Amino acid sequence: MPIPLRPLTFICPGCAWQKTTIPKSDALVIGRDFYGQCPKCGYEPLERRPATRTEIPKAKLKDLF
């Protein structure tokens, strides 16, 4: 049975781009669940940290719309 990973927030130190992801399973999709490079400016590596309690509901709302 797949075990979803914890929500993560990816931050680009180059352009301040930020994205919180909530993986639905343990099979990560690059560009949806995981980012290794900034999609805006191409900077790598991105900083990543566990998502905060305020970022998780915001990410869920963005996924709905």
Protein backbone atom coordinates (compact mmCIF):
# COMPACT_ATOMS: atom_id res chain seq x y z
CA MET A 1 0.00 0.00 0.00
CA PRO A 2 1.44 3.43 -0.88
CA ILE A 3 2.35 5.68 2.00
CA PRO A 4 2.05 9.39 1.19
CA LEU A 5 5.04 11.52 2.10
CA ARG A 6 4.82 14.58 4.31
CA PRO A 7 3.95 17.88 2.62
CA LEU A 8 7.05 19.85 1.59
CA THR A 9 7.69 23.47 0.70
CA PHE A 10 10.26 24.17 -2.00
CA ILE A 11 11.91 27.61 -2.04
CA CYS A 12 14.17 29.11 -4.71
CA PRO A 13 16.94 31.29 -3.24
CA GLY A 14 17.50 32.84 -6.68
CA CYS A 15 14.06 34.34 -7.42
CA ALA A 16 12.02 33.68 -4.24
CA TRP A 17 9.66 31.24 -6.02
CA GLN A 18 7.87 29.01 -3.51
CA LYS A 19 5.63 25.96 -3.86
CA THR A 20 4.07 23.64 -1.28
CA THR A 21 3.37 20.10 -2.46
CA ILE A 22 1.19 17.44 -0.89
CA PRO A 23 2.10 14.07 -2.47
CA LYS A 24 -0.83 11.70 -2.83
CA SER A 25 1.38 8.58 -2.79
CA ASP A 26 5.00 7.51 -2.51
CA ALA A 27 5.42 7.66 -6.31
CA LEU A 28 6.65 11.23 -6.79
CA VAL A 29 6.11 13.07 -10.05
CA ILE A 30 8.76 15.67 -10.91
CA GLY A 31 7.09 19.06 -11.38
CA ARG A 32 4.02 18.13 -9.37
CA ASP A 33 5.17 16.45 -6.14
CA PHE A 34 8.89 17.18 -6.20
CA TYR A 35 11.12 19.93 -7.60
CA GLY A 36 14.88 19.70 -8.09
CA GLN A 37 15.15 22.88 -10.16
CA CYS A 38 13.22 26.16 -10.09
CA PRO A 39 10.62 26.18 -12.90
CA LYS A 40 10.76 29.98 -13.01
CA CYS A 41 14.50 30.76 -13.21
CA GLY A 42 16.22 27.35 -13.42
CA TYR A 43 18.17 27.72 -10.16
CA GLU A 44 19.23 24.52 -8.46
CA PRO A 45 19.34 23.09 -5.85
CA LEU A 46 16.18 24.36 -4.22
CA GLU A 47 15.78 24.67 -0.49
CA ARG A 48 13.13 22.36 0.94
CA ARG A 49 11.53 22.05 4.34
CA PRO A 50 8.44 20.46 5.89
CA ALA A 51 5.32 22.51 5.12
CA THR A 52 3.86 24.55 7.97
CA ARG A 53 0.31 24.25 9.27
CA THR A 54 -0.73 27.38 7.37
CA GLU A 55 0.85 26.32 4.06
CA ILE A 56 -0.89 22.93 3.89
CA PRO A 57 -4.52 24.25 3.67
CA LYS A 58 -3.43 26.88 1.13
CA ALA A 59 -1.88 24.19 -1.05
CA LYS A 60 -5.01 22.06 -0.80
CA LEU A 61 -7.15 24.99 -1.93
CA LYS A 62 -4.86 25.68 -4.90
CA ASP A 63 -5.15 22.03 -5.94
CA LEU A 64 -8.95 22.33 -6.03
CA PHE A 65 -9.01 25.36 -8.34
